[in-house]
N, C-alpha and C. Protein backbone atom coordinates (compact mmCIF):
# COMPACT_ATOMS: atom_id res chain seq x y z
N MET A 1 21.89 -3.26 12.47
CA MET A 1 21.05 -2.80 11.35
C MET A 1 21.44 -1.37 11.03
N LYS A 2 21.63 -1.09 9.76
CA LYS A 2 22.03 0.25 9.37
C LYS A 2 20.94 1.25 9.66
N VAL A 3 21.34 2.50 9.86
CA VAL A 3 20.39 3.54 10.25
C VAL A 3 19.32 3.75 9.21
N TYR A 4 19.70 3.56 7.91
CA TYR A 4 18.68 3.87 6.88
C TYR A 4 17.55 2.89 6.88
N TYR A 5 17.63 1.75 7.61
CA TYR A 5 16.49 0.84 7.71
C TYR A 5 15.39 1.42 8.57
N LEU A 6 15.75 2.40 9.40
CA LEU A 6 14.72 3.03 10.23
C LEU A 6 14.03 4.11 9.42
N PHE A 7 13.49 3.72 8.28
CA PHE A 7 12.86 4.70 7.39
C PHE A 7 11.65 5.34 8.06
N LEU A 8 11.42 6.60 7.71
CA LEU A 8 10.34 7.37 8.33
C LEU A 8 9.05 7.14 7.60
N PHE A 9 8.01 6.73 8.33
CA PHE A 9 6.72 6.49 7.69
C PHE A 9 6.03 7.79 7.31
N THR A 10 6.55 8.92 7.84
CA THR A 10 5.97 10.18 7.39
C THR A 10 6.25 10.41 5.92
N LEU A 11 7.20 9.67 5.32
CA LEU A 11 7.46 9.77 3.90
C LEU A 11 6.31 9.21 3.08
N LEU A 12 5.41 8.49 3.73
CA LEU A 12 4.35 7.80 3.01
C LEU A 12 3.09 8.63 2.89
N PHE A 13 3.13 9.91 3.31
CA PHE A 13 1.96 10.77 3.17
C PHE A 13 1.72 11.13 1.72
N SER A 14 0.50 11.55 1.45
CA SER A 14 0.14 12.00 0.11
C SER A 14 0.88 13.29 -0.23
N CYS A 15 1.00 13.54 -1.53
CA CYS A 15 1.51 14.84 -1.97
C CYS A 15 0.74 15.26 -3.21
N ASP A 16 0.68 16.57 -3.44
CA ASP A 16 -0.13 17.08 -4.54
C ASP A 16 0.52 16.85 -5.89
N GLU A 17 1.85 16.95 -5.93
CA GLU A 17 2.52 16.88 -7.20
C GLU A 17 3.45 15.69 -7.22
N LYS A 18 3.69 15.19 -8.38
CA LYS A 18 4.46 13.95 -8.51
C LYS A 18 5.87 14.08 -7.97
N ASN A 19 6.48 15.24 -8.11
CA ASN A 19 7.85 15.41 -7.67
C ASN A 19 7.98 16.13 -6.34
N LYS A 20 6.88 16.34 -5.67
CA LYS A 20 6.91 17.02 -4.38
C LYS A 20 7.51 16.11 -3.33
N PRO A 21 8.44 16.58 -2.48
CA PRO A 21 9.03 15.73 -1.45
C PRO A 21 7.96 15.13 -0.55
N LEU A 22 8.19 13.89 -0.13
CA LEU A 22 7.20 13.20 0.69
C LEU A 22 7.30 13.59 2.16
N TYR A 23 8.40 14.21 2.55
CA TYR A 23 8.59 14.57 3.95
C TYR A 23 8.52 16.07 4.12
N SER A 24 7.91 16.50 5.19
CA SER A 24 7.90 17.92 5.53
C SER A 24 7.79 18.07 7.03
N GLU A 25 8.18 19.24 7.55
CA GLU A 25 8.07 19.49 8.98
C GLU A 25 6.62 19.45 9.43
N GLU A 26 5.72 19.84 8.51
CA GLU A 26 4.30 19.88 8.86
C GLU A 26 3.78 18.48 9.15
N THR A 27 4.11 17.52 8.27
CA THR A 27 3.63 16.16 8.50
C THR A 27 4.32 15.54 9.70
N ASP A 28 5.59 15.87 9.93
CA ASP A 28 6.30 15.33 11.08
C ASP A 28 5.67 15.80 12.37
N ALA A 29 5.18 17.03 12.38
CA ALA A 29 4.58 17.59 13.59
C ALA A 29 3.25 16.92 13.91
N LYS A 30 2.66 16.24 12.93
CA LYS A 30 1.36 15.61 13.13
C LYS A 30 1.46 14.19 13.67
N LYS A 31 2.68 13.71 13.94
CA LYS A 31 2.82 12.36 14.48
C LYS A 31 2.05 12.23 15.79
N THR A 32 1.50 11.04 16.00
CA THR A 32 0.77 10.80 17.23
C THR A 32 1.38 9.65 17.98
N GLU A 33 0.54 8.93 18.72
CA GLU A 33 1.06 7.89 19.58
C GLU A 33 1.58 6.69 18.82
N THR A 34 2.41 5.86 19.50
CA THR A 34 2.93 4.65 18.90
C THR A 34 1.82 3.66 18.66
N SER A 35 1.90 2.91 17.57
CA SER A 35 0.88 1.93 17.23
C SER A 35 0.77 0.85 18.29
N ALA A 36 -0.44 0.30 18.42
CA ALA A 36 -0.63 -0.81 19.33
C ALA A 36 0.06 -2.05 18.77
N LYS A 37 0.46 -2.95 19.64
CA LYS A 37 1.11 -4.17 19.20
C LYS A 37 0.13 -5.05 18.43
N ILE A 38 0.66 -5.75 17.45
CA ILE A 38 -0.16 -6.66 16.67
C ILE A 38 -0.40 -7.93 17.46
N PRO A 39 -1.63 -8.42 17.52
CA PRO A 39 -1.90 -9.66 18.25
C PRO A 39 -1.05 -10.81 17.72
N GLU A 40 -0.61 -11.68 18.61
CA GLU A 40 0.24 -12.79 18.20
C GLU A 40 -0.50 -13.72 17.23
N LYS A 41 -1.79 -13.92 17.45
CA LYS A 41 -2.58 -14.76 16.56
C LYS A 41 -3.37 -13.86 15.62
N ASP A 42 -3.03 -13.93 14.36
CA ASP A 42 -3.68 -13.05 13.38
C ASP A 42 -3.82 -13.82 12.08
N THR A 43 -5.04 -13.90 11.57
CA THR A 43 -5.29 -14.66 10.35
C THR A 43 -4.62 -14.02 9.14
N THR A 44 -4.09 -12.82 9.30
CA THR A 44 -3.38 -12.16 8.21
C THR A 44 -2.24 -13.02 7.70
N ASN A 45 -1.67 -13.85 8.56
CA ASN A 45 -0.55 -14.70 8.17
C ASN A 45 -0.90 -15.64 7.02
N PHE A 46 -2.21 -15.83 6.77
CA PHE A 46 -2.64 -16.69 5.67
C PHE A 46 -2.83 -15.91 4.38
N HIS A 47 -2.62 -14.59 4.44
CA HIS A 47 -2.74 -13.78 3.23
C HIS A 47 -1.65 -14.20 2.25
N PRO A 48 -1.94 -14.21 0.94
CA PRO A 48 -0.93 -14.63 -0.06
C PRO A 48 0.40 -13.91 0.04
N TRP A 49 0.39 -12.64 0.46
CA TRP A 49 1.63 -11.87 0.60
C TRP A 49 2.56 -12.53 1.61
N PHE A 50 2.00 -12.90 2.75
CA PHE A 50 2.80 -13.57 3.77
C PHE A 50 3.23 -14.96 3.32
N GLN A 51 2.32 -15.69 2.72
CA GLN A 51 2.63 -17.05 2.27
C GLN A 51 3.73 -17.04 1.20
N TYR A 52 3.69 -16.05 0.32
CA TYR A 52 4.68 -15.96 -0.75
C TYR A 52 6.09 -15.76 -0.19
N TYR A 53 6.24 -14.78 0.69
CA TYR A 53 7.56 -14.50 1.21
C TYR A 53 8.03 -15.52 2.24
N ARG A 54 7.09 -16.23 2.86
CA ARG A 54 7.45 -17.23 3.86
C ARG A 54 8.15 -18.43 3.23
N LYS A 55 8.00 -18.61 1.93
CA LYS A 55 8.66 -19.73 1.27
C LYS A 55 10.18 -19.64 1.42
N GLU A 56 10.71 -18.44 1.37
CA GLU A 56 12.16 -18.25 1.52
C GLU A 56 12.53 -17.63 2.86
N ASN A 57 11.51 -17.20 3.62
CA ASN A 57 11.74 -16.57 4.92
C ASN A 57 10.75 -17.18 5.92
N PRO A 58 11.06 -18.34 6.49
CA PRO A 58 10.12 -19.08 7.34
C PRO A 58 9.54 -18.28 8.50
N ASN A 59 10.26 -17.29 8.98
CA ASN A 59 9.79 -16.52 10.14
C ASN A 59 9.02 -15.26 9.74
N PHE A 60 8.67 -15.15 8.47
CA PHE A 60 7.96 -13.96 8.01
C PHE A 60 6.50 -14.04 8.44
N LYS A 61 6.20 -13.44 9.59
CA LYS A 61 4.86 -13.44 10.16
C LYS A 61 4.51 -12.05 10.64
N ARG A 62 3.23 -11.75 10.68
CA ARG A 62 2.82 -10.40 11.03
C ARG A 62 3.22 -10.00 12.44
N GLU A 63 3.18 -10.93 13.38
CA GLU A 63 3.48 -10.56 14.76
C GLU A 63 4.92 -10.12 14.97
N ILE A 64 5.79 -10.38 14.00
CA ILE A 64 7.18 -9.96 14.11
C ILE A 64 7.36 -8.49 13.74
N PHE A 65 6.43 -7.94 12.98
CA PHE A 65 6.52 -6.53 12.58
C PHE A 65 6.51 -5.63 13.81
N LYS A 66 7.39 -4.65 13.81
CA LYS A 66 7.52 -3.74 14.95
C LYS A 66 6.67 -2.48 14.75
N PRO A 67 5.89 -2.10 15.77
CA PRO A 67 5.08 -0.89 15.65
C PRO A 67 5.94 0.36 15.56
N GLN A 68 5.55 1.26 14.69
CA GLN A 68 6.20 2.56 14.53
C GLN A 68 5.23 3.63 15.02
N GLU A 69 5.60 4.87 14.86
CA GLU A 69 4.69 5.94 15.25
C GLU A 69 3.47 5.98 14.34
N SER A 70 2.32 6.17 14.93
CA SER A 70 1.09 6.30 14.15
C SER A 70 1.02 7.70 13.54
N THR A 71 0.31 7.81 12.43
CA THR A 71 0.23 9.08 11.72
C THR A 71 -1.22 9.34 11.29
N PRO A 72 -1.62 10.59 11.19
CA PRO A 72 -2.99 10.88 10.74
C PRO A 72 -3.15 10.63 9.25
N ILE A 73 -4.34 10.25 8.85
CA ILE A 73 -4.62 10.06 7.43
C ILE A 73 -4.73 11.42 6.76
N THR A 74 -4.04 11.58 5.65
CA THR A 74 -4.09 12.81 4.87
C THR A 74 -4.81 12.55 3.56
N TYR A 75 -5.83 13.32 3.28
CA TYR A 75 -6.61 13.15 2.05
C TYR A 75 -6.25 14.24 1.05
N ARG A 76 -6.04 13.82 -0.19
CA ARG A 76 -5.78 14.76 -1.28
C ARG A 76 -6.75 14.47 -2.42
N GLU A 77 -7.08 15.48 -3.15
CA GLU A 77 -7.96 15.29 -4.30
C GLU A 77 -7.28 14.40 -5.34
N SER A 78 -8.05 13.51 -5.92
CA SER A 78 -7.53 12.63 -6.96
C SER A 78 -8.44 12.68 -8.18
N PHE A 79 -7.84 12.62 -9.34
CA PHE A 79 -8.61 12.62 -10.58
C PHE A 79 -8.61 11.23 -11.21
N ALA A 80 -8.32 10.22 -10.40
CA ALA A 80 -8.32 8.85 -10.91
C ALA A 80 -9.72 8.47 -11.38
N PRO A 81 -9.85 7.89 -12.56
CA PRO A 81 -11.17 7.45 -13.04
C PRO A 81 -11.77 6.41 -12.08
N ILE A 82 -13.07 6.50 -11.87
CA ILE A 82 -13.77 5.64 -10.92
C ILE A 82 -14.48 4.51 -11.66
N LEU A 83 -14.51 3.34 -11.04
CA LEU A 83 -15.16 2.17 -11.62
C LEU A 83 -16.57 2.50 -12.12
N HIS A 84 -16.89 2.02 -13.31
CA HIS A 84 -18.21 2.19 -13.97
C HIS A 84 -18.44 3.62 -14.44
N GLN A 85 -17.43 4.46 -14.40
CA GLN A 85 -17.57 5.81 -14.92
C GLN A 85 -16.70 5.98 -16.16
N LYS A 86 -17.00 7.00 -16.93
CA LYS A 86 -16.26 7.26 -18.16
C LYS A 86 -14.79 7.47 -17.85
N GLY A 87 -13.96 6.83 -18.63
CA GLY A 87 -12.52 7.00 -18.47
C GLY A 87 -11.85 5.88 -17.68
N PHE A 88 -12.66 5.06 -16.99
CA PHE A 88 -12.06 3.97 -16.22
C PHE A 88 -11.64 2.85 -17.15
N ASN A 89 -10.39 2.43 -17.03
CA ASN A 89 -9.87 1.35 -17.86
C ASN A 89 -10.15 0.01 -17.19
N PRO A 90 -10.93 -0.86 -17.80
CA PRO A 90 -11.31 -2.13 -17.16
C PRO A 90 -10.14 -3.05 -16.87
N ILE A 91 -8.97 -2.78 -17.43
CA ILE A 91 -7.81 -3.63 -17.15
C ILE A 91 -7.47 -3.61 -15.66
N TYR A 92 -7.85 -2.52 -14.96
CA TYR A 92 -7.51 -2.39 -13.55
C TYR A 92 -8.55 -3.02 -12.62
N GLN A 93 -9.71 -3.36 -13.14
CA GLN A 93 -10.79 -3.84 -12.27
C GLN A 93 -10.41 -5.06 -11.43
N PRO A 94 -9.70 -6.07 -11.98
CA PRO A 94 -9.34 -7.23 -11.16
C PRO A 94 -8.39 -6.91 -10.01
N PHE A 95 -7.78 -5.73 -10.04
CA PHE A 95 -6.79 -5.38 -9.04
C PHE A 95 -7.34 -4.46 -7.95
N LEU A 96 -8.58 -4.03 -8.08
CA LEU A 96 -9.19 -3.17 -7.06
C LEU A 96 -9.43 -3.98 -5.79
N VAL A 97 -9.23 -3.35 -4.64
CA VAL A 97 -9.39 -4.04 -3.35
C VAL A 97 -10.59 -3.44 -2.63
N PHE A 98 -11.69 -4.19 -2.58
CA PHE A 98 -12.95 -3.69 -2.04
C PHE A 98 -13.08 -3.95 -0.55
N ASN A 99 -13.83 -3.08 0.11
CA ASN A 99 -14.20 -3.32 1.50
C ASN A 99 -15.31 -4.36 1.55
N GLN A 100 -15.73 -4.73 2.74
CA GLN A 100 -16.73 -5.78 2.90
C GLN A 100 -18.06 -5.41 2.25
N GLY A 101 -18.47 -4.16 2.37
CA GLY A 101 -19.74 -3.71 1.79
C GLY A 101 -19.67 -3.41 0.32
N ARG A 102 -18.47 -3.45 -0.25
CA ARG A 102 -18.22 -3.19 -1.67
C ARG A 102 -18.71 -1.81 -2.12
N ASP A 103 -18.69 -0.86 -1.20
CA ASP A 103 -19.02 0.51 -1.56
C ASP A 103 -17.78 1.41 -1.54
N GLN A 104 -16.63 0.83 -1.18
CA GLN A 104 -15.35 1.54 -1.22
C GLN A 104 -14.29 0.57 -1.73
N TYR A 105 -13.26 1.13 -2.35
CA TYR A 105 -12.15 0.27 -2.75
C TYR A 105 -10.85 1.06 -2.77
N LEU A 106 -9.76 0.32 -2.74
CA LEU A 106 -8.42 0.89 -2.87
C LEU A 106 -7.91 0.60 -4.28
N ASP A 107 -7.26 1.60 -4.85
CA ASP A 107 -6.65 1.47 -6.17
C ASP A 107 -5.21 1.94 -6.05
N PHE A 108 -4.26 1.04 -6.24
CA PHE A 108 -2.85 1.44 -6.22
C PHE A 108 -2.13 0.98 -7.49
N ASP A 109 -2.92 0.67 -8.52
CA ASP A 109 -2.35 0.21 -9.78
C ASP A 109 -2.46 1.23 -10.90
N SER A 110 -3.60 1.91 -11.00
CA SER A 110 -3.87 2.73 -12.18
C SER A 110 -2.90 3.89 -12.35
N TYR A 111 -2.32 4.38 -11.27
CA TYR A 111 -1.34 5.46 -11.38
C TYR A 111 0.04 4.91 -11.75
N GLN A 112 0.33 3.70 -11.30
CA GLN A 112 1.70 3.19 -11.41
C GLN A 112 2.03 2.52 -12.73
N TRP A 113 1.07 1.87 -13.37
CA TRP A 113 1.39 1.17 -14.61
C TRP A 113 0.25 1.25 -15.61
N GLU A 114 0.61 1.06 -16.86
CA GLU A 114 -0.37 0.97 -17.93
C GLU A 114 -0.01 -0.20 -18.83
N LEU A 115 -1.00 -0.70 -19.54
CA LEU A 115 -0.78 -1.89 -20.37
C LEU A 115 -0.39 -1.47 -21.78
N LEU A 116 0.71 -2.03 -22.26
CA LEU A 116 1.17 -1.78 -23.62
C LEU A 116 0.48 -2.73 -24.60
N PRO A 117 0.51 -2.44 -25.89
CA PRO A 117 -0.16 -3.30 -26.88
C PRO A 117 0.30 -4.75 -26.85
N ASP A 118 1.53 -5.00 -26.42
CA ASP A 118 2.03 -6.37 -26.40
C ASP A 118 1.63 -7.13 -25.13
N GLY A 119 0.82 -6.48 -24.27
CA GLY A 119 0.35 -7.14 -23.06
C GLY A 119 1.25 -6.99 -21.86
N SER A 120 2.31 -6.23 -21.99
CA SER A 120 3.23 -6.01 -20.87
C SER A 120 2.92 -4.69 -20.18
N ALA A 121 3.40 -4.56 -18.95
CA ALA A 121 3.14 -3.36 -18.17
C ALA A 121 4.30 -2.38 -18.28
N ALA A 122 3.97 -1.12 -18.48
CA ALA A 122 4.95 -0.04 -18.46
C ALA A 122 4.75 0.73 -17.17
N PHE A 123 5.81 0.86 -16.38
CA PHE A 123 5.69 1.39 -15.03
C PHE A 123 6.15 2.84 -14.92
N GLU A 124 5.46 3.57 -14.04
CA GLU A 124 5.93 4.87 -13.58
C GLU A 124 6.86 4.64 -12.39
N ALA A 125 7.68 5.62 -12.07
CA ALA A 125 8.58 5.48 -10.92
C ALA A 125 7.82 5.58 -9.60
N ASP A 126 6.72 6.34 -9.61
CA ASP A 126 5.97 6.61 -8.37
C ASP A 126 4.66 5.85 -8.34
N GLU A 127 4.04 5.87 -7.18
CA GLU A 127 2.79 5.13 -6.99
C GLU A 127 1.88 5.92 -6.06
N ALA A 128 0.59 5.98 -6.40
CA ALA A 128 -0.40 6.65 -5.57
C ALA A 128 -1.40 5.63 -5.05
N LEU A 129 -1.78 5.79 -3.79
CA LEU A 129 -2.82 4.96 -3.19
C LEU A 129 -4.10 5.78 -3.17
N ILE A 130 -5.12 5.28 -3.86
CA ILE A 130 -6.37 6.00 -4.02
C ILE A 130 -7.49 5.28 -3.28
N LEU A 131 -8.24 6.04 -2.49
CA LEU A 131 -9.45 5.53 -1.83
C LEU A 131 -10.64 6.04 -2.62
N VAL A 132 -11.50 5.11 -3.06
CA VAL A 132 -12.66 5.48 -3.87
C VAL A 132 -13.94 5.16 -3.10
N ASP A 133 -14.80 6.16 -2.99
CA ASP A 133 -16.13 6.02 -2.37
C ASP A 133 -17.14 5.93 -3.51
N LEU A 134 -17.67 4.73 -3.74
CA LEU A 134 -18.57 4.55 -4.87
C LEU A 134 -19.91 5.25 -4.67
N LYS A 135 -20.40 5.30 -3.43
CA LYS A 135 -21.68 5.95 -3.17
C LYS A 135 -21.65 7.41 -3.54
N ASN A 136 -20.57 8.06 -3.16
CA ASN A 136 -20.46 9.50 -3.41
C ASN A 136 -19.64 9.82 -4.66
N ARG A 137 -19.22 8.77 -5.37
CA ARG A 137 -18.44 8.95 -6.59
C ARG A 137 -17.26 9.89 -6.36
N LYS A 138 -16.48 9.54 -5.35
CA LYS A 138 -15.38 10.40 -4.93
C LYS A 138 -14.08 9.59 -4.82
N ALA A 139 -13.02 10.12 -5.39
CA ALA A 139 -11.70 9.50 -5.30
C ALA A 139 -10.76 10.43 -4.56
N GLN A 140 -10.01 9.87 -3.60
CA GLN A 140 -9.07 10.67 -2.81
C GLN A 140 -7.74 9.93 -2.70
N GLN A 141 -6.67 10.69 -2.84
CA GLN A 141 -5.33 10.12 -2.67
C GLN A 141 -4.99 10.11 -1.18
N ILE A 142 -4.63 8.96 -0.66
CA ILE A 142 -4.32 8.86 0.77
C ILE A 142 -2.86 8.48 1.03
N ALA A 143 -2.10 8.27 -0.02
CA ALA A 143 -0.65 8.05 0.13
C ALA A 143 0.01 8.20 -1.22
N PHE A 144 1.29 8.56 -1.19
CA PHE A 144 2.06 8.71 -2.41
C PHE A 144 3.47 8.20 -2.13
N PHE A 145 3.99 7.36 -3.01
CA PHE A 145 5.28 6.73 -2.78
C PHE A 145 6.25 7.03 -3.91
N GLY A 146 7.49 7.27 -3.56
CA GLY A 146 8.54 7.39 -4.54
C GLY A 146 9.04 6.01 -4.92
N PRO A 147 10.07 5.93 -5.74
CA PRO A 147 10.53 4.64 -6.27
C PRO A 147 11.12 3.68 -5.24
N SER A 148 11.45 4.16 -4.05
CA SER A 148 12.06 3.29 -3.04
C SER A 148 11.04 2.56 -2.17
N PHE A 149 9.78 2.96 -2.25
CA PHE A 149 8.70 2.35 -1.46
C PHE A 149 7.53 2.04 -2.40
N TRP A 150 6.86 0.92 -2.19
CA TRP A 150 5.70 0.63 -3.03
C TRP A 150 4.76 -0.33 -2.32
N ILE A 151 3.50 -0.30 -2.75
CA ILE A 151 2.48 -1.20 -2.22
C ILE A 151 2.49 -2.49 -3.03
N GLU A 152 2.39 -3.61 -2.33
CA GLU A 152 2.37 -4.90 -3.02
C GLU A 152 0.99 -5.56 -2.97
N ASP A 153 0.20 -5.23 -1.96
CA ASP A 153 -1.15 -5.78 -1.87
C ASP A 153 -1.87 -5.06 -0.73
N ALA A 154 -3.14 -5.38 -0.56
CA ALA A 154 -3.93 -4.77 0.51
C ALA A 154 -5.17 -5.61 0.76
N TYR A 155 -5.79 -5.40 1.89
CA TYR A 155 -7.07 -6.05 2.20
C TYR A 155 -7.80 -5.20 3.22
N TRP A 156 -9.08 -5.49 3.42
CA TRP A 156 -9.89 -4.74 4.37
C TRP A 156 -10.26 -5.60 5.56
N LYS A 157 -10.38 -4.96 6.69
CA LYS A 157 -10.96 -5.58 7.88
C LYS A 157 -12.32 -4.92 8.07
N GLY A 158 -13.35 -5.53 7.50
CA GLY A 158 -14.68 -4.93 7.54
C GLY A 158 -14.80 -3.81 6.53
N ASP A 159 -15.45 -2.72 6.94
CA ASP A 159 -15.71 -1.60 6.04
C ASP A 159 -14.88 -0.36 6.33
N SER A 160 -14.25 -0.29 7.50
CA SER A 160 -13.61 0.97 7.88
C SER A 160 -12.12 0.87 8.15
N VAL A 161 -11.54 -0.33 8.04
CA VAL A 161 -10.10 -0.49 8.27
C VAL A 161 -9.48 -1.19 7.06
N ALA A 162 -8.50 -0.55 6.45
CA ALA A 162 -7.79 -1.12 5.31
C ALA A 162 -6.33 -1.36 5.69
N VAL A 163 -5.82 -2.52 5.34
CA VAL A 163 -4.44 -2.88 5.65
C VAL A 163 -3.63 -2.92 4.36
N VAL A 164 -2.60 -2.10 4.31
CA VAL A 164 -1.75 -1.98 3.13
C VAL A 164 -0.43 -2.69 3.39
N LEU A 165 -0.04 -3.56 2.47
CA LEU A 165 1.17 -4.36 2.60
C LEU A 165 2.20 -3.85 1.59
N GLY A 166 3.34 -3.39 2.08
CA GLY A 166 4.31 -2.77 1.19
C GLY A 166 5.71 -3.32 1.31
N ASN A 167 6.56 -2.89 0.40
CA ASN A 167 7.96 -3.30 0.42
C ASN A 167 8.83 -2.11 0.03
N THR A 168 10.13 -2.30 0.15
CA THR A 168 11.06 -1.22 -0.12
C THR A 168 12.23 -1.71 -0.96
N TYR A 169 12.96 -0.76 -1.51
CA TYR A 169 14.15 -1.08 -2.29
C TYR A 169 15.15 -1.88 -1.48
N GLU A 170 15.18 -1.62 -0.18
CA GLU A 170 16.11 -2.31 0.70
C GLU A 170 15.57 -3.65 1.20
N LYS A 171 14.40 -4.07 0.68
CA LYS A 171 13.79 -5.36 1.03
C LYS A 171 13.40 -5.42 2.50
N VAL A 172 12.91 -4.31 3.01
CA VAL A 172 12.38 -4.24 4.37
C VAL A 172 10.88 -3.95 4.26
N PRO A 173 10.03 -4.95 4.39
CA PRO A 173 8.58 -4.77 4.24
C PRO A 173 7.98 -3.88 5.33
N PHE A 174 6.81 -3.33 5.02
CA PHE A 174 6.09 -2.52 5.99
C PHE A 174 4.59 -2.76 5.86
N ILE A 175 3.87 -2.43 6.91
CA ILE A 175 2.41 -2.54 6.93
C ILE A 175 1.84 -1.20 7.39
N MET A 176 0.80 -0.74 6.71
CA MET A 176 0.09 0.47 7.10
C MET A 176 -1.38 0.11 7.30
N GLU A 177 -1.88 0.28 8.49
CA GLU A 177 -3.27 -0.05 8.79
C GLU A 177 -4.07 1.25 8.90
N TYR A 178 -4.93 1.48 7.91
CA TYR A 178 -5.74 2.70 7.86
C TYR A 178 -7.04 2.49 8.62
N ASN A 179 -7.23 3.24 9.69
CA ASN A 179 -8.51 3.22 10.41
C ASN A 179 -9.25 4.50 10.04
N PHE A 180 -10.21 4.37 9.13
CA PHE A 180 -10.88 5.55 8.60
C PHE A 180 -11.84 6.18 9.60
N ASN A 181 -12.34 5.41 10.54
CA ASN A 181 -13.19 5.99 11.58
C ASN A 181 -12.39 6.86 12.54
N LYS A 182 -11.20 6.39 12.89
CA LYS A 182 -10.34 7.13 13.82
C LYS A 182 -9.42 8.11 13.10
N LYS A 183 -9.40 8.03 11.77
CA LYS A 183 -8.60 8.92 10.94
C LYS A 183 -7.10 8.81 11.25
N ILE A 184 -6.65 7.57 11.42
CA ILE A 184 -5.26 7.35 11.81
C ILE A 184 -4.68 6.15 11.07
N ILE A 185 -3.36 6.19 10.86
CA ILE A 185 -2.64 5.07 10.25
C ILE A 185 -1.72 4.45 11.29
N ASN A 186 -1.88 3.18 11.57
CA ASN A 186 -0.97 2.45 12.43
C ASN A 186 0.10 1.82 11.56
N ASN A 187 1.35 2.16 11.81
CA ASN A 187 2.46 1.76 10.95
C ASN A 187 3.31 0.68 11.61
N TYR A 188 3.78 -0.27 10.79
CA TYR A 188 4.60 -1.37 11.29
C TYR A 188 5.73 -1.64 10.30
N LYS A 189 6.88 -2.03 10.80
CA LYS A 189 8.05 -2.30 9.96
C LYS A 189 8.65 -3.64 10.33
N TYR A 190 9.04 -4.39 9.30
CA TYR A 190 9.72 -5.66 9.53
C TYR A 190 11.12 -5.37 10.07
N PRO A 191 11.58 -6.11 11.08
CA PRO A 191 12.85 -5.78 11.74
C PRO A 191 14.10 -6.27 11.00
N ASP A 192 13.95 -6.80 9.81
CA ASP A 192 15.10 -7.35 9.10
C ASP A 192 14.85 -7.22 7.60
N THR A 193 15.82 -7.63 6.80
CA THR A 193 15.64 -7.67 5.36
C THR A 193 15.18 -9.07 4.95
N LEU A 194 14.49 -9.13 3.82
CA LEU A 194 13.99 -10.40 3.33
C LEU A 194 14.91 -10.98 2.25
N LYS A 195 14.92 -12.29 2.18
CA LYS A 195 15.54 -12.98 1.05
C LYS A 195 14.47 -13.05 -0.03
N ILE A 196 14.71 -12.40 -1.17
CA ILE A 196 13.69 -12.28 -2.20
C ILE A 196 14.26 -12.65 -3.56
N GLY A 197 13.65 -13.63 -4.21
CA GLY A 197 14.03 -13.95 -5.58
C GLY A 197 13.34 -13.00 -6.54
N GLU A 198 12.04 -12.81 -6.34
CA GLU A 198 11.24 -11.87 -7.12
C GLU A 198 10.24 -11.21 -6.19
N PHE A 199 10.05 -9.92 -6.31
CA PHE A 199 9.11 -9.22 -5.43
C PHE A 199 7.68 -9.69 -5.70
N TYR A 200 6.91 -9.73 -4.63
CA TYR A 200 5.52 -10.15 -4.72
C TYR A 200 4.73 -9.27 -5.67
N SER A 201 5.07 -8.01 -5.77
CA SER A 201 4.34 -7.08 -6.64
C SER A 201 4.36 -7.56 -8.08
N LYS A 202 5.46 -8.13 -8.54
CA LYS A 202 5.52 -8.68 -9.89
C LYS A 202 4.71 -9.97 -10.00
N TYR A 203 4.83 -10.80 -8.98
CA TYR A 203 4.08 -12.05 -8.95
C TYR A 203 2.58 -11.78 -9.01
N ARG A 204 2.14 -10.76 -8.29
CA ARG A 204 0.72 -10.40 -8.24
C ARG A 204 0.19 -10.05 -9.62
N LEU A 205 0.96 -9.32 -10.40
CA LEU A 205 0.54 -8.95 -11.75
C LEU A 205 0.57 -10.16 -12.69
N LYS A 206 1.63 -10.94 -12.58
CA LYS A 206 1.80 -12.08 -13.47
C LYS A 206 0.67 -13.10 -13.32
N ARG A 207 0.23 -13.31 -12.08
CA ARG A 207 -0.79 -14.34 -11.88
C ARG A 207 -2.16 -13.91 -12.43
N LYS A 208 -2.28 -12.65 -12.83
CA LYS A 208 -3.51 -12.18 -13.47
C LYS A 208 -3.28 -11.81 -14.93
N GLY A 209 -2.22 -12.36 -15.49
CA GLY A 209 -2.01 -12.26 -16.92
C GLY A 209 -1.26 -11.05 -17.43
N ILE A 210 -0.71 -10.24 -16.54
CA ILE A 210 0.07 -9.07 -16.97
C ILE A 210 1.52 -9.45 -17.10
N GLN A 211 2.12 -9.15 -18.25
CA GLN A 211 3.53 -9.47 -18.46
C GLN A 211 4.40 -8.44 -17.79
N VAL A 212 5.38 -8.91 -17.03
CA VAL A 212 6.29 -8.02 -16.32
C VAL A 212 7.73 -8.48 -16.61
N ASP A 213 8.57 -7.54 -16.99
CA ASP A 213 9.97 -7.89 -17.26
C ASP A 213 10.70 -8.24 -15.98
């Protein structure tokens, strides 16, 4: 496997400005212990993301993902419009990922694309992962990705753990498990490249009526 497949998850930290480098010595110094191994039996394998890629990659299962170094959660101020508040575009509502109590959600669409008059999506090169606290009406950026990394889907385990499912330009998927109580991200990387006809991120938009080239 080429060295560049060992991509650094510290690149996935938030940044204040769109063109600010994702890696810094400061974030690297904050690395903590290696993530715990993923249980062999995990219902995550039934998530549409896994089912989609398993059609062409039969061994694509969560337990194959290799744990990487864990990293602390970094919070940045976000000005993303919040659901039910002025400025929020309802086109994004079907794509919000809520926790079990439905008082928090993840938004990784509103920064990355907008809907054109013809019903197609126009994309930005970068993507921001936003955590929204509905009770306190607060939005915070918890990750920022350049064009080589992106989020394809996410889900919650209860109210305090969010699992982010991502992919890369090199077709090497990754998983980031945010534990908000422990303030830590457990990172995992697929040990190989995937055979992909179309990325799940496009399929996800298409199945909800968004046109994607």
